[in-house]
């Protein structure tokens, strides 16, 4: 098992632990599988603007959202933020810090997420659409000039009355 806890495990040990958890969940039935998932939304800031992409596919098709995605088993929120931004937009980020979270329910899709928001500075790279099957493209927007329509987690974030000065 772990030498000093999960995060000190080798990749092989973490995978074995993940398989054990998955088997446990399958034995418990669908109620465990229907629990909320954890998403990470990354507010990438560059020159006073934030990065938004128009989603493509079944979940949130046509809606604008920050880069982000699912938190993987054993991954930190900061690691997830770096990975998702690079995988989706081809850029690197730095100075990642926690902002807030939202409770996001998609009744039509039978999905429920808790989205953890982080703020990060643009570091390097050219923004490009790395996953054209999941995103129509990326654009930089002023905070008070977001396009419509907005993805449910982003709408919920805006309802939180987050201190924009702390983000920008």
Protein backbone atom coordinates (compact mmCIF):
# COMPACT_ATOMS: atom_id res chain seq x y z
CA UNK A 1 0.00 0.00 0.00
CA UNK A 2 1.13 3.59 0.43
CA UNK A 3 4.45 4.46 1.97
CA UNK A 4 3.27 7.77 3.47
CA UNK A 5 -0.20 8.07 2.03
CA UNK A 6 -1.84 8.05 -1.35
CA UNK A 7 0.22 10.85 -2.88
CA UNK A 8 3.48 9.06 -2.08
CA UNK A 9 2.36 5.89 -3.88
CA UNK A 10 3.93 4.88 -7.14
CA UNK A 11 1.79 5.13 -10.26
CA UNK A 12 1.33 1.36 -10.17
CA UNK A 13 0.19 1.46 -6.52
CA UNK A 14 -2.27 4.29 -7.28
CA UNK A 15 -3.72 2.34 -10.20
CA UNK A 16 -4.15 -0.77 -8.02
CA UNK A 17 -5.90 1.35 -5.40
CA UNK A 18 -8.15 2.88 -8.06
CA UNK A 19 -9.13 -0.58 -9.31
CA UNK A 20 -10.00 -1.65 -5.75
CA UNK A 21 -12.18 1.45 -5.32
CA UNK A 22 -13.91 0.83 -8.67
CA UNK A 23 -14.64 -2.81 -7.77
CA UNK A 24 -16.05 -1.62 -4.43
CA UNK A 25 -18.30 0.90 -6.22
CA UNK A 26 -19.56 -1.72 -8.65
CA UNK A 27 -20.45 -4.01 -5.75
CA UNK A 28 -22.37 -1.21 -4.00
CA UNK A 29 -24.56 -0.63 -7.04
CA UNK A 30 -25.64 2.32 -9.14
CA UNK A 31 -26.43 4.62 -6.19
CA UNK A 32 -22.71 5.07 -5.60
CA UNK A 33 -22.06 5.68 -9.30
CA UNK A 34 -24.71 8.42 -9.37
CA UNK A 35 -22.85 10.57 -6.86
CA UNK A 36 -21.73 14.03 -8.01
CA UNK A 37 -18.50 14.29 -9.98
CA UNK A 38 -15.78 16.86 -9.37
CA UNK A 39 -15.03 19.32 -12.13
CA UNK A 40 -12.30 21.95 -12.23
CA UNK A 41 -12.91 25.27 -13.97
CA UNK A 42 -9.84 27.37 -14.75
CA UNK A 43 -10.12 31.14 -15.00
CA UNK A 44 -7.07 31.92 -17.14
CA UNK A 45 -6.19 35.63 -17.07
CA UNK A 46 -4.06 37.44 -19.66
CA UNK A 47 -3.89 41.21 -20.09
CA UNK A 48 -7.08 41.75 -18.08
CA UNK A 49 -9.11 39.22 -20.08
CA UNK A 50 -10.21 35.64 -19.45
CA UNK A 51 -10.21 32.65 -21.77
CA UNK A 52 -13.54 31.08 -22.81
CA UNK A 53 -14.30 28.32 -25.26
CA UNK A 54 -17.55 27.32 -26.92
CA UNK A 55 -18.29 23.73 -25.96
CA UNK A 56 -19.05 21.11 -28.55
CA UNK A 57 -20.63 17.69 -27.99
CA UNK A 58 -23.47 16.32 -25.90
CA UNK A 59 -22.67 17.99 -22.56
CA UNK A 60 -23.15 21.77 -22.85
CA UNK A 61 -23.06 21.93 -26.64
CA UNK A 62 -22.91 25.53 -27.86
CA UNK A 63 -22.35 27.03 -24.40
CA UNK A 64 -19.32 29.16 -23.45
CA UNK A 65 -17.14 27.95 -20.58
CA UNK A 66 -13.72 28.27 -19.00
CA UNK A 67 -11.21 25.54 -19.80
CA UNK A 68 -11.38 22.64 -17.36
CA UNK A 69 -12.62 19.15 -16.85
CA UNK A 70 -12.86 16.18 -14.55
CA UNK A 71 -10.59 15.78 -11.57
CA UNK A 72 -8.83 12.45 -12.02
CA UNK A 73 -8.37 9.97 -9.18
CA UNK A 74 -5.32 10.94 -7.07
CA UNK A 75 -4.81 14.27 -8.89
CA UNK A 76 -4.61 17.64 -7.13
CA UNK A 77 -6.89 20.44 -8.31
CA UNK A 78 -3.82 22.43 -9.41
CA UNK A 79 -2.47 19.48 -11.41
CA UNK A 80 -5.87 19.04 -13.03
CA UNK A 81 -6.00 22.74 -13.94
CA UNK A 82 -2.58 22.64 -15.62
CA UNK A 83 -3.37 19.41 -17.47
CA UNK A 84 -6.82 20.45 -18.69
CA UNK A 85 -5.73 23.90 -19.92
CA UNK A 86 -2.79 22.41 -21.82
CA UNK A 87 -4.88 19.53 -23.27
CA UNK A 88 -7.71 21.83 -24.36
CA UNK A 89 -6.03 25.07 -25.43
CA UNK A 90 -2.32 24.29 -25.83
CA UNK A 91 -1.16 26.93 -23.33
CA UNK A 92 0.67 26.74 -20.02
CA UNK A 93 -0.50 28.48 -16.85
CA UNK A 94 1.12 29.61 -13.59
CA UNK A 95 0.21 31.18 -10.23
CA UNK A 96 -2.79 28.91 -9.69
CA UNK A 97 -4.97 29.82 -6.71
CA UNK A 98 -8.34 28.75 -5.39
CA UNK A 99 -11.40 30.92 -6.00
CA UNK A 100 -14.63 29.14 -5.00
CA UNK A 101 -16.86 26.22 -5.95
CA UNK A 102 -20.32 25.79 -7.44
CA UNK A 103 -22.95 23.07 -7.13
CA UNK A 104 -24.05 22.31 -10.69
CA UNK A 105 -27.03 20.12 -11.49
CA UNK A 106 -27.95 19.20 -15.08
CA UNK A 107 -31.44 17.67 -14.65
CA UNK A 108 -32.00 16.98 -18.36
CA UNK A 109 -28.77 15.02 -18.55
CA UNK A 110 -29.00 13.37 -15.13
CA UNK A 111 -25.62 14.84 -14.15
CA UNK A 112 -24.44 16.56 -11.00
CA UNK A 113 -21.06 18.23 -10.54
CA UNK A 114 -19.27 20.20 -7.90
CA UNK A 115 -17.02 22.55 -9.86
CA UNK A 116 -13.89 23.83 -8.10
CA UNK A 117 -12.75 27.12 -9.60
CA UNK A 118 -9.15 28.26 -9.72
CA UNK A 119 -7.61 31.39 -11.16
CA UNK A 120 -4.36 31.21 -13.09
CA UNK A 121 -2.13 33.52 -15.08
CA UNK A 122 -1.36 32.76 -18.71
CA UNK A 123 2.27 31.61 -18.90
CA UNK A 124 3.18 30.58 -22.44
CA UNK A 125 2.05 29.10 -25.73
CA UNK A 126 -0.37 30.03 -28.48
CA UNK A 127 -4.05 29.40 -27.85
CA UNK A 128 -5.37 26.82 -30.28
CA UNK A 129 -8.26 24.38 -30.45
CA UNK A 130 -6.51 21.15 -29.49
CA UNK A 131 -9.74 19.12 -29.14
CA UNK A 132 -11.94 20.24 -32.07
CA UNK A 133 -14.50 17.53 -31.24
CA UNK A 134 -15.04 19.15 -27.80
CA UNK A 135 -14.60 22.88 -28.50
CA UNK A 136 -15.40 25.22 -31.41
CA UNK A 137 -12.61 27.59 -30.43
CA UNK A 138 -11.15 29.85 -27.74
CA UNK A 139 -11.42 33.60 -27.28
CA UNK A 140 -10.32 36.17 -24.70
CA UNK A 141 -13.10 38.24 -23.07
CA UNK A 142 -13.40 41.12 -20.63
CA UNK A 143 -15.03 39.95 -17.38
CA UNK A 144 -18.17 42.04 -17.91
CA UNK A 145 -18.51 41.19 -21.61
CA UNK A 146 -19.07 37.43 -21.70
CA UNK A 147 -20.88 35.98 -24.72
CA UNK A 148 -24.17 34.06 -24.57
CA UNK A 149 -25.11 31.41 -23.75
CA UNK A 150 -23.00 30.51 -20.70
CA UNK A 151 -22.48 26.96 -19.42
CA UNK A 152 -24.42 26.21 -16.19
CA UNK A 153 -21.30 26.14 -13.94
CA UNK A 154 -20.21 29.56 -15.24
CA UNK A 155 -23.72 30.99 -14.73
CA UNK A 156 -23.67 29.60 -11.19
CA UNK A 157 -20.25 31.15 -10.58
CA UNK A 158 -21.52 34.57 -11.65
CA UNK A 159 -24.47 34.21 -9.23
CA UNK A 160 -21.95 33.70 -6.39
CA UNK A 161 -20.99 37.40 -6.63
CA UNK A 162 -17.31 36.52 -6.58
CA UNK A 163 -15.04 39.53 -6.02
CA UNK A 164 -13.85 40.17 -9.57
CA UNK A 165 -10.97 42.32 -8.29
CA UNK A 166 -9.58 39.25 -6.54
CA UNK A 167 -9.72 37.33 -9.82
CA UNK A 168 -8.46 39.93 -12.25
